[in-house]
Amino acid sequence: MAASASSPLPSPSSPPPSASPPAVIQEGAWVILQMGDGRNFFACAQQKGMMRLGRVTISLSGLIGVPYGSVLEVHPDRLVPLPGATELYEDLSVGDMDGNDFARGGAPLGEYDGVSLDNRNFADTNTAQRLSMEEVEELKRSGASGQAIIQALASNSDTWEKKTAFAKQKWTQKKAHKYVVRVRALAGCGSNVAEALFVKSGLVKTTAIRPDSIAQLLSFGNVAAGARVLILDSYSGVVLGCILERLGGEGKAISLYAGAQAHIDHLKYFNLPTDQLAQTLVHFPASALAEVEVGRARRRAERGEDGEEDDARFLPTAEEEARAKASGKFVLHTTREGEGQGEEKAAGQEDFDRAKWLKYLEKKRRRLCVLAEGRKLLIEGADCLVVASRHDPSVVVPRLLAFLEDGAAFAVYHEYLEPLVALYASLMEAGMLRLQMLSTWWREYQILPGRSHPHMSMSSDGGYLLTGIKVSQGEAGQREVGEEEERQGQEGERSSGKEGGGNRKRHRNQR
């Protein structure tokens, strides 16, 4: 169970402490814009970038140079930072309300008169507001601020004075989301990205993985700096990004993918340095695991372990160049009659684009080097396994366990329980240790003076986890043999005891 303190308006994490200078948003960085109603938007800070935010189109140039955690107000054409603001609506005051009530959660409990003021006589007839919609639109066109519009709506409401302080605060909060649109610029760290993707559209996405499930995957999977992690991520790179963030540039992350290329669209939101990705991340196709299984079983790479032999096939030799010319793949253009320059060329002669061919060779060489590095790492063995896939884990995980070192931890996530139950049974027969099934009950709590209670809505299910520790088959077999010998020994002692008792009984009868 998870509980979190919240204010009347959903507010993200607190801004960085003032003791250390806060990091500022650089051009080209991805930022999470979190609104007061809980919606999240991903934006790339660019000078000429434009984005549709709610009902308005804004320029993203206002994000550049702004510290992370800053509050910005959405204007029709730009984002305006609010210096010194720590909460989204802390300076908002309407009628007899203090603007700091948003930060405090309302006045102290003793100031509320719950006996004389309540909502028992309120009827939602839509006649309490004397200000018409045309008049509100006229205020907008005249350039009135959002706070002025909310003030006008409160002063023209027949039921405003009859509302309790709680009701006033809730009403003002609802109007603030509509007329005073503000956002907080959050950094693309693992917790923020996972939560933003989970509630990106204001509603929980069933195709996303919950932040607490990712945290448990990393913890039970024993992911730490310097580790060699084998990953299978079907959630567009969000789990992979959290693992790379925890590695911090130390260790290796071997990311398996199915198909022609890896689908890691969400990895860009983490703003990881390019040199760190090149040093830490290794993509490896799942279709090439069969070859690695042979090398893993023999404990040595028979060919292409360091990539030198495979690289030699793509060196720019005369034979390879002639073969490329004959293929017709690297043709610059076809000459026509009268187009020859410098020297006469026959009509229909093709010019070979050698620069394009060399670029193709370089691309093939880099991809081959990555495959060789991934093959070498898998043959040597991984320190931990993290699986967050929509494929059947009872088929995928036993094959991936062959690439783990003995005593390594593994953690498997799936949105349904039944596939993990089948996997649990097979791993139990294989002799794996400390197998356990987990399912987290997640509910947020509102902690405010006089009204602390759980939220009315909660996430129904965050998926299921299966965790354990790999044991080599040899040790498992020896343990089974030992248990069988011990069982046979116990049965032999019992049988010998019965025989001895029968002999003593026959001896007494003879006497």
Protein backbone atom coordinates (compact mmCIF):
# COMPACT_ATOMS: atom_id res chain seq x y z
CA MET A 1 0.00 0.00 0.00
CA ALA A 2 1.26 3.41 -0.90
CA ALA A 3 0.12 6.66 0.69
CA SER A 4 1.03 10.11 -0.46
CA ALA A 5 0.33 13.55 0.98
CA SER A 6 -1.42 15.89 -1.40
CA SER A 7 -2.76 19.42 -1.45
CA PRO A 8 -6.21 20.51 -2.66
CA LEU A 9 -4.76 21.05 -6.12
CA PRO A 10 -2.72 18.10 -7.39
CA SER A 11 0.82 19.36 -7.27
CA PRO A 12 3.97 17.56 -8.40
CA SER A 13 7.10 17.08 -6.39
CA SER A 14 8.57 20.05 -4.60
CA PRO A 15 11.15 22.18 -6.43
CA PRO A 16 14.84 21.64 -5.77
CA PRO A 17 16.14 22.99 -2.45
CA SER A 18 17.63 26.45 -2.48
CA ALA A 19 20.88 25.27 -0.90
CA SER A 20 22.18 24.01 -4.26
CA PRO A 21 21.71 25.87 -7.53
CA PRO A 22 18.87 24.24 -9.49
CA ALA A 23 19.53 22.79 -12.91
CA VAL A 24 18.03 24.76 -15.77
CA ILE A 25 16.33 23.47 -18.89
CA GLN A 26 18.68 23.30 -21.85
CA GLU A 27 17.63 23.64 -25.47
CA GLY A 28 16.65 20.28 -26.91
CA ALA A 29 15.83 18.74 -23.52
CA TRP A 30 12.53 16.97 -22.93
CA VAL A 31 10.39 18.38 -20.12
CA ILE A 32 7.23 17.12 -18.42
CA LEU A 33 4.57 19.83 -18.13
CA GLN A 34 2.28 18.86 -15.27
CA MET A 35 -1.01 20.72 -14.98
CA GLY A 36 -3.08 21.35 -11.89
CA ASP A 37 -5.71 18.78 -12.85
CA GLY A 38 -3.12 15.99 -13.09
CA ARG A 39 -2.64 15.91 -16.84
CA ASN A 40 0.89 15.56 -18.17
CA PHE A 41 2.41 16.71 -21.46
CA PHE A 42 5.87 15.99 -22.87
CA ALA A 43 7.51 18.99 -24.52
CA CYS A 44 10.90 19.51 -26.15
CA ALA A 45 12.43 22.90 -25.32
CA GLN A 46 13.22 24.52 -28.67
CA GLN A 47 13.46 28.08 -29.89
CA LYS A 48 10.99 27.53 -32.71
CA GLY A 49 9.00 24.74 -31.11
CA MET A 50 5.21 24.98 -30.90
CA MET A 51 2.84 22.80 -28.93
CA ARG A 52 -0.87 22.41 -28.37
CA LEU A 53 -1.49 22.63 -24.63
CA GLY A 54 -5.14 22.28 -23.76
CA ARG A 55 -7.06 24.84 -25.82
CA VAL A 56 -4.14 27.08 -26.77
CA THR A 57 -1.03 26.75 -28.92
CA ILE A 58 2.08 27.97 -27.14
CA SER A 59 5.73 28.56 -27.97
CA LEU A 60 8.20 26.32 -26.15
CA SER A 61 11.03 28.83 -26.27
CA GLY A 62 9.97 30.09 -22.83
CA LEU A 63 11.18 26.82 -21.28
CA ILE A 64 14.84 27.39 -22.16
CA GLY A 65 16.86 28.64 -19.20
CA VAL A 66 14.05 28.04 -16.67
CA PRO A 67 14.99 25.98 -13.57
CA TYR A 68 13.38 22.57 -13.25
CA GLY A 69 10.41 22.62 -10.91
CA SER A 70 9.40 26.17 -11.88
CA VAL A 71 5.76 27.19 -12.20
CA LEU A 72 4.75 28.77 -15.51
CA GLU A 73 1.50 30.40 -16.53
CA VAL A 74 0.03 29.55 -19.91
CA HIS A 75 -0.71 32.60 -22.05
CA PRO A 76 -2.30 32.44 -25.51
CA ASP A 77 1.08 32.46 -27.25
CA ARG A 78 3.77 31.66 -24.68
CA LEU A 79 4.73 30.35 -21.26
CA VAL A 80 5.48 32.97 -18.61
CA PRO A 81 7.57 31.86 -15.56
CA LEU A 82 6.35 32.95 -12.12
CA PRO A 83 9.49 33.72 -10.08
CA GLY A 84 9.40 32.53 -6.50
CA ALA A 85 6.26 30.42 -6.91
CA THR A 86 6.44 27.01 -5.24
CA GLU A 87 2.79 25.97 -5.66
CA LEU A 88 0.63 26.28 -8.73
CA TYR A 89 -2.04 28.53 -7.20
CA GLU A 90 -0.57 29.79 -3.94
CA ASP A 91 -1.12 33.46 -4.85
CA LEU A 92 -4.77 33.05 -5.86
CA SER A 93 -7.33 34.77 -3.59
CA VAL A 94 -11.06 35.00 -4.24
CA GLY A 95 -13.63 36.86 -2.15
CA ASP A 96 -12.88 36.39 1.53
CA MET A 97 -10.41 33.56 0.94
CA ASP A 98 -6.69 33.82 1.57
CA GLY A 99 -4.58 32.75 -1.36
CA ASN A 100 -2.28 30.78 0.94
CA ASP A 101 -5.19 28.46 1.74
CA PHE A 102 -4.12 26.46 -1.31
CA ALA A 103 -0.72 25.82 0.24
CA ARG A 104 -2.04 25.26 3.78
CA GLY A 105 -4.99 23.16 2.76
CA GLY A 106 -7.50 25.67 4.15
CA ALA A 107 -7.85 27.57 7.40
CA PRO A 108 -7.50 25.75 10.73
CA LEU A 109 -10.29 23.38 11.61
CA GLY A 110 -11.65 25.61 14.39
CA GLU A 111 -12.50 28.38 11.94
CA TYR A 112 -14.98 26.23 10.05
CA ASP A 113 -18.59 26.50 11.24
CA GLY A 114 -19.97 23.21 10.10
CA VAL A 115 -23.29 23.71 11.92
CA SER A 116 -24.54 26.96 10.39
CA LEU A 117 -22.98 26.48 6.95
CA ASP A 118 -23.50 23.33 4.94
CA ASN A 119 -24.76 22.26 1.55
CA ARG A 120 -28.04 20.70 2.58
CA ASN A 121 -30.19 23.42 0.98
CA PHE A 122 -28.20 23.74 -2.27
CA ALA A 123 -29.95 22.71 -5.45
CA ASP A 124 -28.05 22.50 -8.70
CA THR A 125 -30.51 24.50 -10.81
CA ASN A 126 -27.84 26.52 -12.69
CA THR A 127 -29.55 29.76 -11.71
CA ALA A 128 -27.26 30.94 -8.89
CA GLN A 129 -24.79 32.59 -11.31
CA ARG A 130 -25.93 36.02 -12.50
CA LEU A 131 -23.02 36.42 -14.93
CA SER A 132 -23.91 35.10 -18.39
CA MET A 133 -21.55 33.26 -20.71
CA GLU A 134 -21.52 36.22 -23.12
CA GLU A 135 -20.31 38.49 -20.34
CA VAL A 136 -17.56 36.03 -19.42
CA GLU A 137 -16.41 35.92 -23.05
CA GLU A 138 -16.41 39.71 -23.13
CA LEU A 139 -14.14 39.76 -20.08
CA LYS A 140 -11.75 37.42 -21.90
CA ARG A 141 -11.70 39.59 -25.01
CA SER A 142 -11.07 42.70 -22.95
CA GLY A 143 -7.86 41.13 -21.60
CA ALA A 144 -9.03 40.44 -18.05
CA SER A 145 -6.82 38.03 -16.10
CA GLY A 146 -8.05 34.65 -15.04
CA GLN A 147 -8.07 35.67 -11.40
CA ALA A 148 -10.28 38.70 -12.24
CA ILE A 149 -12.74 36.41 -14.05
CA ILE A 150 -12.92 34.04 -11.08
CA GLN A 151 -13.43 37.02 -8.75
CA ALA A 152 -16.30 38.25 -10.94
CA LEU A 153 -17.91 34.81 -10.96
CA ALA A 154 -17.67 34.58 -7.17
CA SER A 155 -19.12 38.07 -6.58
CA ASN A 156 -22.06 37.34 -8.92
CA SER A 157 -22.90 34.01 -7.29
CA ASP A 158 -25.97 33.96 -5.01
CA THR A 159 -24.66 30.97 -3.07
CA TRP A 160 -21.06 32.07 -2.54
CA GLU A 161 -21.58 33.41 0.99
CA LYS A 162 -23.52 30.30 1.98
CA LYS A 163 -20.73 27.95 1.04
CA THR A 164 -18.41 26.41 3.58
CA ALA A 165 -14.69 27.12 3.36
CA PHE A 166 -14.24 23.63 1.94
CA ALA A 167 -16.86 24.27 -0.75
CA LYS A 168 -15.34 27.66 -1.61
CA GLN A 169 -11.93 26.13 -2.00
CA LYS A 170 -13.21 23.30 -4.19
CA TRP A 171 -15.18 25.72 -6.37
CA THR A 172 -12.21 28.06 -6.79
CA GLN A 173 -9.97 25.14 -7.62
CA LYS A 174 -12.32 24.03 -10.39
CA LYS A 175 -12.47 27.51 -11.91
CA ALA A 176 -8.70 27.96 -11.64
CA HIS A 177 -8.13 24.94 -13.85
CA LYS A 178 -10.24 26.64 -16.53
CA TYR A 179 -9.29 30.32 -16.35
CA VAL A 180 -5.80 30.34 -14.75
CA VAL A 181 -3.88 27.62 -16.54
CA ARG A 182 -0.49 26.92 -14.97
CA VAL A 183 2.03 24.14 -15.34
CA ARG A 184 5.12 22.93 -13.55
CA ALA A 185 8.17 21.95 -15.58
CA LEU A 186 9.47 18.63 -14.26
CA ALA A 187 12.73 16.92 -15.12
CA GLY A 188 12.68 13.66 -17.04
CA CYS A 189 13.79 11.34 -14.25
CA GLY A 190 12.55 7.77 -13.89
CA SER A 191 9.76 8.39 -11.38
CA ASN A 192 8.41 11.45 -13.20
CA VAL A 193 8.46 9.81 -16.64
CA ALA A 194 6.82 6.60 -15.42
CA GLU A 195 4.08 8.48 -13.59
CA ALA A 196 3.49 10.87 -16.49
CA LEU A 197 3.13 8.00 -18.94
CA PHE A 198 0.81 6.16 -16.58
CA VAL A 199 -1.60 9.12 -16.23
CA LYS A 200 -0.69 10.97 -19.41
CA SER A 201 -4.23 11.84 -20.45
CA GLY A 202 -5.69 12.35 -17.00
CA LEU A 203 -6.96 8.76 -17.00
CA VAL A 204 -4.98 5.67 -16.12
CA LYS A 205 -3.66 3.96 -19.25
CA THR A 206 -4.13 0.20 -19.26
CA THR A 207 -1.18 -0.22 -21.61
CA ALA A 208 1.31 1.50 -19.29
CA ILE A 209 3.25 0.08 -16.37
CA ARG A 210 2.77 1.61 -12.95
CA PRO A 211 5.69 3.45 -11.29
CA ASP A 212 5.69 1.25 -8.19
CA SER A 213 5.89 -1.87 -10.37
CA ILE A 214 9.02 -0.50 -12.06
CA ALA A 215 10.55 0.26 -8.66
CA GLN A 216 9.96 -3.31 -7.51
CA LEU A 217 11.37 -4.70 -10.75
CA LEU A 218 14.61 -2.80 -10.21
CA SER A 219 14.83 -3.66 -6.50
CA PHE A 220 14.07 -7.38 -6.71
CA GLY A 221 16.13 -7.62 -9.90
CA ASN A 222 19.16 -6.33 -7.99
CA VAL A 223 19.86 -3.58 -10.53
CA ALA A 224 22.74 -1.39 -9.33
CA ALA A 225 25.65 0.59 -10.74
CA GLY A 226 28.25 -1.70 -12.29
CA ALA A 227 25.83 -4.57 -12.90
CA ARG A 228 25.38 -6.38 -16.19
CA VAL A 229 21.62 -6.37 -16.75
CA LEU A 230 19.70 -8.43 -19.30
CA ILE A 231 16.46 -6.63 -20.20
CA LEU A 232 13.35 -7.49 -22.17
CA ASP A 233 11.13 -4.39 -22.26
CA SER A 234 7.84 -4.24 -24.17
CA TYR A 235 6.82 -0.83 -22.81
CA SER A 236 8.62 1.35 -25.38
CA GLY A 237 11.74 1.82 -23.30
CA VAL A 238 10.37 3.23 -20.04
CA VAL A 239 11.72 0.28 -18.00
CA LEU A 240 14.98 0.41 -19.94
CA GLY A 241 15.32 4.13 -19.22
CA CYS A 242 14.85 3.60 -15.48
CA ILE A 243 17.50 0.87 -15.51
CA LEU A 244 19.98 3.06 -17.41
CA GLU A 245 19.32 5.88 -14.97
CA ARG A 246 20.11 3.61 -12.03
CA LEU A 247 23.26 2.27 -13.67
CA GLY A 248 24.54 5.84 -13.99
CA GLY A 249 26.97 5.03 -16.80
CA GLU A 250 28.57 2.12 -14.91
CA GLY A 251 27.87 -1.40 -16.10
CA LYS A 252 26.06 -2.75 -19.15
CA ALA A 253 22.43 -2.97 -20.16
CA ILE A 254 21.76 -5.68 -22.76
CA SER A 255 18.38 -4.84 -24.28
CA LEU A 256 16.71 -7.64 -26.24
CA TYR A 257 14.26 -6.77 -28.98
CA ALA A 258 12.07 -8.70 -31.39
CA GLY A 259 11.72 -7.73 -35.01
CA ALA A 260 13.88 -5.54 -37.20
CA GLN A 261 14.68 -2.82 -34.64
CA ALA A 262 14.23 -1.90 -30.99
CA HIS A 263 11.15 0.13 -30.01
CA ILE A 264 12.41 2.61 -27.43
CA ASP A 265 10.33 5.71 -28.14
CA HIS A 266 10.08 6.70 -24.46
CA LEU A 267 13.83 6.54 -23.84
CA LYS A 268 14.30 10.08 -25.17
CA TYR A 269 12.26 11.53 -22.28
CA PHE A 270 15.04 10.62 -19.81
CA ASN A 271 17.53 13.06 -21.42
CA LEU A 272 20.38 10.59 -20.94
CA PRO A 273 23.77 11.74 -22.30
CA THR A 274 24.73 10.31 -25.67
CA ASP A 275 28.15 9.14 -24.47
CA GLN A 276 26.52 7.35 -21.53
CA LEU A 277 24.14 5.51 -23.85
CA ALA A 278 26.99 4.52 -26.17
CA GLN A 279 29.00 3.20 -23.22
CA THR A 280 26.21 1.44 -21.33
CA LEU A 281 23.44 0.36 -23.71
CA VAL A 282 23.79 -2.63 -26.04
CA HIS A 283 20.89 -3.72 -28.26
CA PHE A 284 20.72 -7.37 -29.23
CA PRO A 285 18.13 -9.10 -31.46
CA ALA A 286 16.24 -11.98 -29.91
CA SER A 287 16.53 -13.87 -33.20
CA ALA A 288 20.29 -14.28 -32.62
CA LEU A 289 19.95 -15.96 -29.21
CA ALA A 290 20.14 -19.46 -30.68
CA GLU A 291 23.74 -18.91 -31.77
CA VAL A 292 24.66 -17.43 -28.40
CA GLU A 293 23.16 -20.39 -26.57
CA VAL A 294 25.69 -22.67 -28.25
CA GLY A 295 28.56 -20.39 -27.29
CA ARG A 296 27.21 -20.05 -23.78
CA ALA A 297 27.03 -23.82 -23.40
CA ARG A 298 30.61 -24.25 -24.60
CA ARG A 299 31.81 -21.27 -22.56
CA ARG A 300 33.74 -19.85 -25.47
CA ALA A 301 33.01 -17.94 -28.67
CA GLU A 302 33.87 -20.04 -31.71
CA ARG A 303 33.73 -17.14 -34.16
CA GLY A 304 33.11 -13.42 -34.19
CA GLU A 305 33.50 -12.96 -30.42
CA ASP A 306 35.51 -9.76 -30.80
CA GLY A 307 34.01 -8.83 -34.20
CA GLU A 308 37.31 -8.87 -36.10
CA GLU A 309 36.47 -11.71 -38.45
CA ASP A 310 33.03 -10.30 -39.26
CA ASP A 311 34.42 -6.81 -39.82
CA ALA A 312 36.82 -8.15 -42.42
CA ARG A 313 33.92 -9.11 -44.66
CA PHE A 314 32.99 -5.45 -45.04
CA LEU A 315 36.38 -3.93 -45.76
CA PRO A 316 36.48 -1.87 -48.98
CA THR A 317 38.28 -4.44 -51.15
CA ALA A 318 38.24 -4.50 -54.94
CA GLU A 319 36.19 -7.68 -54.96
CA GLU A 320 33.54 -6.19 -52.66
CA GLU A 321 33.45 -3.01 -54.73
CA ALA A 322 32.96 -4.96 -57.96
CA ARG A 323 30.18 -6.94 -56.30
CA ALA A 324 28.50 -3.72 -55.13
CA LYS A 325 28.73 -2.25 -58.64
CA ALA A 326 27.17 -5.33 -60.12
CA SER A 327 24.29 -5.22 -57.64
CA GLY A 328 23.17 -1.81 -58.90
CA LYS A 329 22.31 -0.73 -55.37
CA PHE A 330 24.79 2.16 -55.18
CA VAL A 331 24.10 3.94 -58.48
CA LEU A 332 24.49 7.70 -58.53
CA HIS A 333 22.66 8.28 -61.81
CA THR A 334 22.38 6.94 -65.33
CA THR A 335 23.97 9.03 -68.09
CA ARG A 336 22.05 9.98 -71.17
CA GLU A 337 23.31 10.81 -74.65
CA GLY A 338 25.37 14.02 -74.64
CA GLU A 339 25.72 14.25 -70.83
CA GLY A 340 29.33 13.08 -70.57
CA GLN A 341 31.70 15.58 -68.95
CA GLY A 342 35.49 15.46 -69.07
CA GLU A 343 35.42 12.11 -70.82
CA GLU A 344 33.05 10.49 -73.21
CA LYS A 345 30.51 8.12 -71.65
CA ALA A 346 28.21 5.77 -73.45
CA ALA A 347 24.49 6.34 -73.16
CA GLY A 348 22.99 4.31 -70.30
CA GLN A 349 26.27 4.02 -68.35
CA GLU A 350 25.80 4.05 -64.57
CA ASP A 351 28.02 6.01 -62.17
CA PHE A 352 28.93 4.07 -59.02
CA ASP A 353 28.48 6.13 -55.83
CA ARG A 354 31.50 4.96 -53.84
CA ALA A 355 30.88 7.40 -50.98
CA LYS A 356 27.41 5.94 -50.48
CA TRP A 357 28.83 2.46 -50.52
CA LEU A 358 31.49 3.31 -47.92
CA LYS A 359 28.83 4.87 -45.71
CA TYR A 360 26.81 1.69 -46.01
CA LEU A 361 29.86 -0.37 -45.03
CA GLU A 362 30.50 1.81 -42.00
CA LYS A 363 26.90 1.41 -40.88
CA LYS A 364 27.12 -2.35 -41.29
CA ARG A 365 30.40 -2.43 -39.39
CA ARG A 366 28.98 -0.49 -36.44
CA ARG A 367 25.96 -2.76 -36.26
CA LEU A 368 28.17 -5.81 -36.45
CA CYS A 369 30.39 -4.52 -33.64
CA VAL A 370 27.31 -4.00 -31.46
CA LEU A 371 26.16 -7.55 -32.19
CA ALA A 372 29.62 -8.88 -31.36
CA GLU A 373 29.68 -6.98 -28.07
CA GLY A 374 26.23 -8.23 -27.12
CA ARG A 375 27.17 -11.79 -28.05
CA LYS A 376 30.30 -11.59 -25.91
CA LEU A 377 28.40 -10.20 -22.92
CA LEU A 378 25.72 -12.88 -23.16
CA ILE A 379 28.29 -15.66 -23.43
CA GLU A 380 30.06 -14.36 -20.33
CA GLY A 381 26.72 -14.18 -18.50
CA ALA A 382 24.52 -11.45 -16.99
CA ASP A 383 24.28 -10.48 -13.33
CA CYS A 384 20.52 -9.98 -13.28
CA LEU A 385 17.44 -10.36 -15.48
CA VAL A 386 14.52 -7.93 -15.76
CA VAL A 387 11.55 -8.90 -17.93
CA ALA A 388 8.56 -6.61 -18.55
CA SER A 389 6.98 -8.16 -21.60
CA ARG A 390 3.53 -8.90 -22.93
CA HIS A 391 4.76 -12.21 -24.35
CA ASP A 392 4.12 -15.46 -22.53
CA PRO A 393 6.70 -15.48 -19.70
CA SER A 394 6.53 -19.26 -19.30
CA VAL A 395 8.11 -19.53 -22.77
CA VAL A 396 10.46 -16.53 -22.71
CA VAL A 397 11.93 -16.54 -19.21
CA PRO A 398 13.30 -20.14 -19.06
CA ARG A 399 15.28 -19.45 -22.22
CA LEU A 400 16.68 -16.17 -20.88
CA LEU A 401 17.67 -17.76 -17.57
CA ALA A 402 20.33 -19.72 -19.48
CA PHE A 403 22.27 -16.46 -19.90
CA LEU A 404 22.32 -15.65 -16.17
CA GLU A 405 25.18 -16.37 -13.84
CA ASP A 406 24.53 -18.75 -10.95
CA GLY A 407 23.12 -16.92 -7.95
CA ALA A 408 21.82 -14.01 -10.04
CA ALA A 409 18.46 -12.43 -9.28
CA PHE A 410 15.60 -12.16 -11.76
CA ALA A 411 12.30 -10.25 -11.74
CA VAL A 412 9.44 -10.80 -14.19
CA TYR A 413 6.45 -8.49 -14.65
CA HIS A 414 3.19 -9.32 -16.39
CA GLU A 415 -0.18 -7.62 -16.31
CA TYR A 416 -1.99 -10.94 -15.81
CA LEU A 417 -1.55 -13.57 -13.11
CA GLU A 418 -2.13 -16.81 -15.04
CA PRO A 419 1.06 -16.75 -17.16
CA LEU A 420 3.17 -16.14 -14.07
CA VAL A 421 1.52 -19.06 -12.27
CA ALA A 422 2.61 -21.41 -15.04
CA LEU A 423 6.11 -19.93 -14.92
CA TYR A 424 6.22 -20.31 -11.14
CA ALA A 425 5.46 -24.03 -11.44
CA SER A 426 8.16 -24.62 -14.05
CA LEU A 427 10.78 -22.67 -12.09
CA MET A 428 9.88 -24.56 -8.94
CA GLU A 429 10.56 -27.83 -10.72
CA ALA A 430 13.86 -26.43 -11.99
CA GLY A 431 14.97 -25.77 -8.41
CA MET A 432 15.11 -21.95 -8.40
CA LEU A 433 15.37 -20.32 -4.99
CA ARG A 434 13.26 -17.71 -3.17
CA LEU A 435 10.42 -17.71 -5.67
CA GLN A 436 7.64 -15.33 -4.71
CA MET A 437 4.62 -13.71 -6.36
CA LEU A 438 3.90 -10.03 -5.65
CA SER A 439 0.99 -7.71 -6.28
CA THR A 440 1.01 -4.18 -4.84
CA TRP A 441 -2.13 -2.52 -3.56
CA TRP A 442 -1.77 1.15 -4.48
CA ARG A 443 -3.88 3.94 -3.05
CA GLU A 444 -3.11 7.60 -2.47
CA TYR A 445 -4.17 9.48 0.66
CA GLN A 446 -4.99 13.15 1.09
CA ILE A 447 -3.30 14.52 4.21
CA LEU A 448 -4.77 17.92 5.14
CA PRO A 449 -5.89 19.62 8.37
CA GLY A 450 -9.28 18.24 9.29
CA ARG A 451 -9.77 16.11 6.18
CA SER A 452 -7.28 13.29 5.78
CA HIS A 453 -8.82 10.48 3.80
CA PRO A 454 -8.01 8.08 0.96
CA HIS A 455 -8.74 9.26 -2.55
CA MET A 456 -12.08 8.21 -3.93
CA SER A 457 -10.52 6.61 -7.02
CA MET A 458 -7.50 4.35 -7.18
CA SER A 459 -5.60 2.13 -9.57
CA SER A 460 -7.38 -1.19 -9.76
CA ASP A 461 -4.39 -3.37 -10.60
CA GLY A 462 -0.69 -2.73 -11.08
CA GLY A 463 0.16 -6.11 -12.53
CA TYR A 464 2.04 -9.02 -10.95
CA LEU A 465 5.69 -9.79 -10.30
CA LEU A 466 7.57 -13.06 -10.01
CA THR A 467 11.01 -12.84 -8.42
CA GLY A 468 13.67 -15.37 -7.53
CA ILE A 469 17.33 -16.40 -7.65
CA LYS A 470 18.82 -18.67 -10.28
CA VAL A 471 20.45 -21.92 -9.22
CA SER A 472 22.57 -23.96 -11.60
CA GLN A 473 21.05 -27.19 -12.83
CA GLY A 474 24.03 -29.14 -11.52
CA GLU A 475 23.53 -27.91 -7.96
CA ALA A 476 19.79 -28.48 -8.26
CA GLY A 477 20.40 -32.04 -9.46
CA GLN A 478 22.85 -32.74 -6.64
CA ARG A 479 20.36 -31.41 -4.13
CA GLU A 480 17.64 -33.64 -5.56
CA VAL A 481 19.96 -36.65 -5.43
CA GLY A 482 20.86 -35.81 -1.83
CA GLU A 483 17.21 -35.46 -0.87
CA GLU A 484 16.41 -38.76 -2.57
CA GLU A 485 19.26 -40.54 -0.73
CA GLU A 486 18.12 -39.05 2.56
CA ARG A 487 14.56 -40.14 1.86
CA GLN A 488 15.70 -43.67 1.05
CA GLY A 489 17.81 -43.76 4.19
CA GLN A 490 14.84 -42.75 6.35
CA GLU A 491 12.67 -45.39 4.72
CA GLY A 492 15.40 -47.98 5.31
CA GLU A 493 15.60 -47.09 9.00
CA ARG A 494 11.85 -47.39 9.37
CA SER A 495 11.81 -50.73 7.59
CA SER A 496 14.70 -52.03 9.70
CA GLY A 497 12.91 -50.89 12.84
CA LYS A 498 9.80 -52.81 11.85
CA GLU A 499 11.86 -55.94 11.12
CA GLY A 500 13.60 -55.69 14.49
CA GLY A 501 10.29 -55.34 16.28
CA GLY A 502 8.94 -58.43 14.51
CA ASN A 503 11.99 -60.49 15.47
CA ARG A 504 11.64 -59.54 19.15
CA LYS A 505 7.96 -60.52 19.05
CA ARG A 506 8.76 -63.94 17.55
CA HIS A 507 11.47 -64.46 20.19
CA ARG A 508 8.98 -63.85 22.98
CA ASN A 509 6.50 -66.29 21.43
CA GLN A 510 9.17 -68.97 21.24
CA ARG A 511 9.96 -68.52 24.92
